[in-house]
Amino acid sequence: MNGQAVIYVLLLLIVLLAGIILYQRFVFYTSIQAALSEISRKLKELGDTDRDEGIMVFTENKEVMEVAAQINRMLEKHLKAKADYRRFEIAYKKMLSNISHDIKTPMTVILGYLEILSINRKQPAGEKGISEEGTEEMLGKIHQKAEQVMELINQFFTLAKLESGDMDIEISKIDMCELCRESLLDFYELLTSLGFQVAACVPESAVWVQGNKEALQRILFNLISNAIRYAGDGKYLGITLREDEETVYIDVADKGHGIEQPFADRIFDRLFTMEDSRSRSVQGNGLGLTIAKNLAQQMGGDLTLCSIPHIKTVFTVRLKRWSY
C-alpha cells in the first residue's frame, strides 16, 4: 500500500471516529434533554395536582440522577413542611374551639347572674326575691367566673408569646431548694384541707440552677395545681429534688388515676384536655402543662412524664446546674 492509500485510510478512520463521537454526544445530550424534560414535566404535574410524591427518572447519567435525587430531597422537605402545617392548622382550629368553649361556659354563668340581679334590682323594695346575702353570693360567683376567664386569656397569651419567641426569660442563679419549699408552702393549707398527704424530699443546703424565678414558680404552680385538679382521689402530693454533676431534677408526684400511655404521649400538646386520661368529671383548658414544658425548654431544660395508672404519676422538671 502506497503512502497516498495510507493517508486515505487514516482520513477515513478519523471521519469514522469523529462520526462515532458526534453520535455518542448526540445520544448523550438527547438522553439528558429527555431526562430533564421528564423532570420538568413531572414537577409541573406535581405543582398542578398538589400530589404528595417524588419524581422518577430512568437514565444512566450520574449527574442527572444526582439532580433528581436532590429534587426529591427538597420535595420530601416540602411534604414534611406541608404535613406540619396541616397538623398546626388542625391544632389551631381545636385550640380556638376549646378556648371558645372554655370562655363561653363561665361567661354564660356571669351573664345569667347579672340578668337575675338586674331583674331583682328593678323590683319594688318589698318584692325583691333575692336577699342582700344572696346578692353578695351571686356577686362572689360572678367574680370567681370572671377570674377564670382572665386566667384563661392570660395563659393563652403567655403560650403565644413563648411560641413566638417574644418572651424574654432572663437566666440567673436560683436556689431550687428554697423555691420548692416556697411553692409547696403556698399550697400547703389547701392540700391539707383537701386531705392530701404531703411529702417533701428537699435538701437543706442550697442547690443552684440556671433558671428564671418567675418561670420556675409558674412551672411548679402549674404542676401542683394539676395534681390537685386531676389526682384528688389519690390524696397524695410529693416533691423530690435530686441532682447529679450537671443536672437538677424536680419530681412532682401524685397517686391519682394516672395517665394511660396513649394520652401520656400527648399530654404536653397544646390544648390537649385529657378527656379520658385522668377524670371525665374534671376538665382543664389544656394550656398549663404546655406552658410548663415550654418554659422549662426556654431555660435549657425539659419537662417529662412517667405514669403508672392508679399507682404513681411523676412529672419531672430537668434543669441545668449553675456552673459559673
Protein backbone atom coordinates (compact mmCIF):
# COMPACT_ATOMS: atom_id res chain seq x y z
CA MET A 1 0.00 0.00 0.00
CA ASN A 2 1.45 3.29 -1.10
CA GLY A 3 1.61 6.37 1.07
CA GLN A 4 -1.44 8.01 -0.52
CA ALA A 5 -3.60 5.00 0.24
CA VAL A 6 -2.46 5.03 3.87
CA ILE A 7 -3.45 8.67 4.13
CA TYR A 8 -6.90 7.90 2.71
CA VAL A 9 -7.35 5.06 5.21
CA LEU A 10 -6.29 7.28 8.11
CA LEU A 11 -8.63 10.02 6.97
CA LEU A 12 -11.45 7.51 6.74
CA LEU A 13 -10.74 6.26 10.24
CA ILE A 14 -10.68 9.82 11.54
CA VAL A 15 -14.00 10.54 9.89
CA LEU A 16 -15.48 7.34 11.34
CA LEU A 17 -14.19 8.15 14.84
CA ALA A 18 -15.49 11.70 14.56
CA GLY A 19 -18.86 10.36 13.47
CA ILE A 20 -18.96 7.92 16.37
CA ILE A 21 -18.03 10.67 18.81
CA LEU A 22 -20.62 13.02 17.38
CA TYR A 23 -23.25 10.27 17.51
CA GLN A 24 -22.39 9.45 21.12
CA ARG A 25 -22.59 13.12 22.05
CA PHE A 26 -25.91 13.39 20.22
CA VAL A 27 -27.28 10.38 22.11
CA PHE A 28 -25.81 11.72 25.37
CA TYR A 29 -27.33 15.19 25.08
CA THR A 30 -30.59 13.78 23.71
CA SER A 31 -30.92 11.46 26.73
CA ILE A 32 -30.09 14.32 29.11
CA GLN A 33 -32.62 16.56 27.36
CA ALA A 34 -35.23 13.83 27.56
CA ALA A 35 -34.50 13.26 31.26
CA LEU A 36 -34.64 16.98 32.03
CA SER A 37 -37.86 17.31 30.06
CA GLU A 38 -39.33 14.43 32.09
CA ILE A 39 -38.22 16.08 35.34
CA SER A 40 -39.75 19.39 34.24
CA ARG A 41 -42.99 17.67 33.18
CA LYS A 42 -43.24 15.80 36.48
CA LEU A 43 -42.57 18.90 38.55
CA LYS A 44 -45.26 20.80 36.66
CA GLU A 45 -47.67 17.90 37.18
CA LEU A 46 -46.95 17.82 40.91
CA GLY A 47 -47.40 21.58 41.11
CA ASP A 48 -50.72 21.48 39.25
CA THR A 49 -52.19 18.50 41.12
CA ASP A 50 -50.56 19.05 44.54
CA ARG A 51 -49.87 15.33 44.83
CA ASP A 52 -47.58 14.09 47.57
CA GLU A 53 -44.99 12.07 45.65
CA GLY A 54 -41.47 12.27 44.26
CA ILE A 55 -40.09 12.05 40.74
CA MET A 56 -38.63 9.03 38.93
CA VAL A 57 -36.18 9.41 36.03
CA PHE A 58 -34.78 6.48 34.04
CA THR A 59 -31.30 7.44 32.92
CA GLU A 60 -27.75 6.20 33.23
CA ASN A 61 -26.34 9.69 33.52
CA LYS A 62 -24.98 10.13 37.04
CA GLU A 63 -25.31 13.91 37.04
CA VAL A 64 -29.00 13.78 36.07
CA MET A 65 -29.60 11.08 38.70
CA GLU A 66 -27.96 13.31 41.32
CA VAL A 67 -30.12 16.26 40.25
CA ALA A 68 -33.22 14.07 40.56
CA ALA A 69 -32.10 12.87 44.00
CA GLN A 70 -31.60 16.45 45.21
CA ILE A 71 -35.02 17.45 43.87
CA ASN A 72 -36.59 14.50 45.71
CA ARG A 73 -34.89 15.60 48.93
CA MET A 74 -36.35 19.07 48.50
CA LEU A 75 -39.78 17.54 47.78
CA GLU A 76 -39.53 15.47 50.96
CA LYS A 77 -38.80 18.62 52.96
CA HIS A 78 -41.71 20.35 51.25
CA LEU A 79 -44.04 17.44 52.09
CA LYS A 80 -42.89 17.48 55.71
CA ALA A 81 -43.46 21.23 55.93
CA LYS A 82 -46.91 20.78 54.42
CA ALA A 83 -47.75 17.98 56.85
CA ASP A 84 -46.53 20.11 59.78
CA TYR A 85 -48.67 22.99 58.55
CA ARG A 86 -51.72 20.71 58.34
CA ARG A 87 -51.14 19.49 61.89
CA PHE A 88 -50.71 23.08 63.06
CA GLU A 89 -53.93 24.07 61.29
CA ILE A 90 -55.85 21.24 62.96
CA ALA A 91 -54.35 22.11 66.36
CA TYR A 92 -55.13 25.79 65.80
CA LYS A 93 -58.77 25.05 64.99
CA LYS A 94 -59.03 22.80 68.02
CA MET A 95 -57.41 25.49 70.14
CA LEU A 96 -59.93 28.10 69.03
CA SER A 97 -62.78 25.66 69.63
CA ASN A 98 -61.58 24.79 73.13
CA ILE A 99 -60.88 28.39 74.08
CA SER A 100 -64.29 29.45 72.79
CA HIS A 101 -65.91 26.71 74.87
CA ASP A 102 -63.87 27.49 78.00
CA ILE A 103 -64.69 31.18 77.74
CA LYS A 104 -68.33 30.65 76.82
CA THR A 105 -69.09 28.49 79.87
CA PRO A 106 -68.15 31.00 82.61
CA MET A 107 -69.41 33.93 80.53
CA THR A 108 -72.82 32.24 80.31
CA VAL A 109 -72.87 31.92 84.10
CA ILE A 110 -71.78 35.55 84.52
CA LEU A 111 -74.46 36.83 82.15
CA GLY A 112 -77.10 34.68 83.82
CA TYR A 113 -76.32 36.01 87.28
CA LEU A 114 -76.17 39.59 86.01
CA GLU A 115 -79.58 39.20 84.38
CA ILE A 116 -81.05 37.84 87.63
CA LEU A 117 -79.52 40.69 89.63
CA SER A 118 -80.75 43.25 87.09
CA ILE A 119 -84.31 41.91 87.25
CA ASN A 120 -84.19 41.81 91.04
CA ARG A 121 -82.91 45.40 91.21
CA LYS A 122 -85.89 46.65 89.20
CA GLN A 123 -88.39 45.08 91.59
CA PRO A 124 -90.06 47.25 94.26
CA ALA A 125 -88.29 47.20 97.62
CA GLY A 126 -90.83 44.90 99.23
CA GLU A 127 -90.99 42.45 96.32
CA LYS A 128 -87.31 41.68 95.80
CA GLY A 129 -86.82 37.92 95.53
CA ILE A 130 -83.13 37.91 96.40
CA SER A 131 -81.84 38.92 99.80
CA GLU A 132 -78.74 41.02 100.37
CA GLU A 133 -76.86 37.85 101.34
CA GLY A 134 -77.99 36.17 98.11
CA THR A 135 -76.87 39.17 96.10
CA GLU A 136 -73.44 39.05 97.72
CA GLU A 137 -73.18 35.33 96.99
CA MET A 138 -74.03 35.87 93.32
CA LEU A 139 -71.53 38.72 93.05
CA GLY A 140 -68.89 36.41 94.52
CA LYS A 141 -69.66 33.76 91.90
CA ILE A 142 -69.53 36.37 89.15
CA HIS A 143 -66.12 37.49 90.39
CA GLN A 144 -64.88 33.89 90.51
CA LYS A 145 -66.01 33.16 86.95
CA ALA A 146 -64.52 36.43 85.68
CA GLU A 147 -61.19 35.43 87.22
CA GLN A 148 -61.39 32.07 85.38
CA VAL A 149 -61.86 33.90 82.09
CA MET A 150 -58.93 36.22 82.80
CA GLU A 151 -56.71 33.28 83.77
CA LEU A 152 -57.53 31.50 80.51
CA ILE A 153 -56.80 34.64 78.47
CA ASN A 154 -53.52 35.18 80.34
CA GLN A 155 -52.48 31.57 79.75
CA PHE A 156 -53.32 31.83 76.08
CA PHE A 157 -51.23 34.97 75.60
CA THR A 158 -48.37 33.52 77.67
CA LEU A 159 -48.23 30.47 75.42
CA ALA A 160 -48.50 32.63 72.28
CA LYS A 161 -45.57 34.79 73.44
CA LEU A 162 -43.49 31.73 74.32
CA GLU A 163 -44.06 30.02 70.98
CA SER A 164 -43.38 33.20 69.01
CA GLY A 165 -40.16 33.86 70.92
CA ASP A 166 -41.41 37.23 72.19
CA MET A 167 -40.98 36.38 75.87
CA ASP A 168 -37.56 37.21 77.27
CA ILE A 169 -36.55 34.82 80.03
CA GLU A 170 -33.50 36.13 81.87
CA ILE A 171 -31.38 33.32 83.28
CA SER A 172 -29.85 33.75 86.73
CA LYS A 173 -28.65 31.74 89.73
CA ILE A 174 -31.66 30.26 91.56
CA ASP A 175 -31.77 28.20 94.78
CA MET A 176 -34.15 25.44 93.71
CA CYS A 177 -34.49 24.03 97.23
CA GLU A 178 -35.87 27.30 98.58
CA LEU A 179 -38.19 27.69 95.59
CA CYS A 180 -39.59 24.16 96.06
CA ARG A 181 -40.27 24.84 99.74
CA GLU A 182 -41.95 28.17 98.96
CA SER A 183 -44.17 26.64 96.25
CA LEU A 184 -45.23 23.77 98.48
CA LEU A 185 -45.94 26.15 101.36
CA ASP A 186 -48.20 28.25 99.10
CA PHE A 187 -50.43 25.19 98.57
CA TYR A 188 -49.99 23.51 101.95
CA GLU A 189 -53.16 24.84 103.59
CA LEU A 190 -55.28 23.91 100.55
CA LEU A 191 -53.68 20.46 100.29
CA THR A 192 -54.24 19.62 103.95
CA SER A 193 -57.81 20.92 103.83
CA LEU A 194 -58.46 18.52 100.95
CA GLY A 195 -56.98 15.62 102.91
CA PHE A 196 -53.77 15.29 100.90
CA GLN A 197 -50.72 13.61 102.35
CA VAL A 198 -47.83 15.96 101.58
CA ALA A 199 -44.28 14.65 101.26
CA ALA A 200 -41.18 16.70 100.55
CA CYS A 201 -37.66 15.40 99.99
CA VAL A 202 -35.62 18.57 99.51
CA PRO A 203 -32.01 19.06 100.69
CA GLU A 204 -31.42 21.55 103.49
CA SER A 205 -28.44 23.13 101.71
CA ALA A 206 -28.90 25.20 98.56
CA VAL A 207 -28.95 23.57 95.13
CA TRP A 208 -28.31 26.21 92.48
CA VAL A 209 -29.76 26.01 88.96
CA GLN A 210 -29.68 28.10 85.80
CA GLY A 211 -33.20 29.46 85.62
CA ASN A 212 -35.69 32.25 85.96
CA LYS A 213 -37.51 32.55 89.29
CA GLU A 214 -40.85 33.66 87.85
CA ALA A 215 -40.78 30.92 85.19
CA LEU A 216 -39.87 28.24 87.76
CA GLN A 217 -42.63 29.42 90.08
CA ARG A 218 -45.08 29.19 87.17
CA ILE A 219 -43.94 25.64 86.36
CA LEU A 220 -44.32 24.41 89.95
CA PHE A 221 -47.65 26.22 90.31
CA ASN A 222 -48.99 24.51 87.18
CA LEU A 223 -47.74 21.06 88.22
CA ILE A 224 -49.08 21.26 91.78
CA SER A 225 -52.41 22.70 90.56
CA ASN A 226 -52.58 19.90 88.01
CA ALA A 227 -52.12 17.28 90.75
CA ILE A 228 -54.82 18.87 92.92
CA ARG A 229 -57.22 19.12 89.99
CA TYR A 230 -56.75 15.65 88.49
CA ALA A 231 -55.33 13.47 91.27
CA GLY A 232 -57.58 14.26 94.21
CA ASP A 233 -58.59 10.63 94.53
CA GLY A 234 -55.01 9.66 95.40
CA LYS A 235 -54.80 12.21 98.25
CA TYR A 236 -51.04 12.45 97.84
CA LEU A 237 -48.59 15.06 96.63
CA GLY A 238 -44.83 14.67 96.79
CA ILE A 239 -41.94 16.89 95.72
CA THR A 240 -38.45 15.46 95.45
CA LEU A 241 -35.31 17.35 94.44
CA ARG A 242 -32.32 15.29 93.26
CA GLU A 243 -29.18 16.11 91.33
CA ASP A 244 -26.13 14.83 89.51
CA GLU A 245 -22.98 16.57 88.29
CA GLU A 246 -24.69 18.57 85.54
CA THR A 247 -28.45 18.38 86.11
CA VAL A 248 -31.04 19.07 88.80
CA TYR A 249 -34.31 17.13 88.80
CA ILE A 250 -37.56 18.15 90.49
CA ASP A 251 -40.16 15.37 90.71
CA VAL A 252 -43.78 16.32 91.38
CA ALA A 253 -45.66 13.10 92.14
CA ASP A 254 -49.23 12.06 92.85
CA LYS A 255 -51.09 8.76 93.30
CA GLY A 256 -54.26 9.51 91.37
CA HIS A 257 -55.82 7.83 88.36
CA GLY A 258 -52.63 8.25 86.39
CA ILE A 259 -52.31 8.73 82.66
CA GLU A 260 -52.59 5.89 80.15
CA GLN A 261 -49.78 5.60 77.61
CA PRO A 262 -51.78 6.82 74.56
CA PHE A 263 -52.54 10.04 76.44
CA ALA A 264 -49.09 10.29 78.05
CA ASP A 265 -47.58 10.79 74.59
CA ARG A 266 -49.84 13.81 74.01
CA ILE A 267 -50.13 15.28 77.48
CA PHE A 268 -47.96 18.31 76.65
CA ASP A 269 -49.72 19.07 73.35
CA ARG A 270 -51.32 22.50 73.12
CA LEU A 271 -54.97 22.43 74.25
CA PHE A 272 -54.99 18.67 74.94
CA THR A 273 -57.65 18.34 77.65
CA MET A 274 -57.05 14.78 78.87
CA GLU A 275 -60.67 13.76 78.37
CA ASP A 276 -60.07 10.15 79.41
CA SER A 277 -56.57 10.33 80.81
CA ARG A 278 -57.50 11.11 84.39
CA SER A 279 -61.04 12.23 85.06
CA ARG A 280 -64.00 12.87 82.85
CA SER A 281 -65.62 15.00 85.53
CA VAL A 282 -62.76 17.49 85.79
CA GLN A 283 -61.57 19.24 82.66
CA GLY A 284 -58.75 21.73 82.27
CA ASN A 285 -58.15 24.15 79.43
CA GLY A 286 -55.09 22.19 78.29
CA LEU A 287 -52.62 25.07 78.46
CA GLY A 288 -50.94 24.65 81.84
CA LEU A 289 -48.71 21.67 81.05
CA THR A 290 -47.85 23.05 77.60
CA ILE A 291 -46.72 26.32 79.18
CA ALA A 292 -44.74 24.48 81.87
CA LYS A 293 -42.86 22.36 79.34
CA ASN A 294 -42.21 25.35 77.09
CA LEU A 295 -40.85 27.38 80.00
CA ALA A 296 -38.55 24.53 81.04
CA GLN A 297 -37.21 24.24 77.49
CA GLN A 298 -36.70 28.01 77.28
CA MET A 299 -34.35 27.66 80.27
CA GLY A 300 -32.38 24.86 78.62
CA GLY A 301 -34.20 22.09 80.48
CA ASP A 302 -37.25 19.92 79.90
CA LEU A 303 -40.42 18.54 81.46
CA THR A 304 -41.22 14.83 81.17
CA LEU A 305 -43.83 12.40 82.46
CA CYS A 306 -43.74 8.88 83.86
CA SER A 307 -47.07 7.39 84.89
CA ILE A 308 -48.21 4.02 86.24
CA PRO A 309 -52.02 4.37 86.40
CA HIS A 310 -53.52 4.11 89.91
CA ILE A 311 -50.02 3.73 91.40
CA LYS A 312 -47.90 6.81 90.78
CA THR A 313 -47.63 9.67 88.30
CA VAL A 314 -44.45 11.76 88.25
CA PHE A 315 -43.77 14.95 86.31
CA THR A 316 -40.03 15.64 86.25
CA VAL A 317 -38.55 19.09 85.63
CA ARG A 318 -34.96 18.86 84.40
CA LEU A 319 -32.72 21.94 84.78
CA LYS A 320 -29.04 22.73 84.31
CA ARG A 321 -26.93 23.16 87.43
CA TRP A 322 -25.37 26.57 87.99
CA SER A 323 -21.75 26.08 86.99
CA TYR A 324 -20.30 29.58 86.60
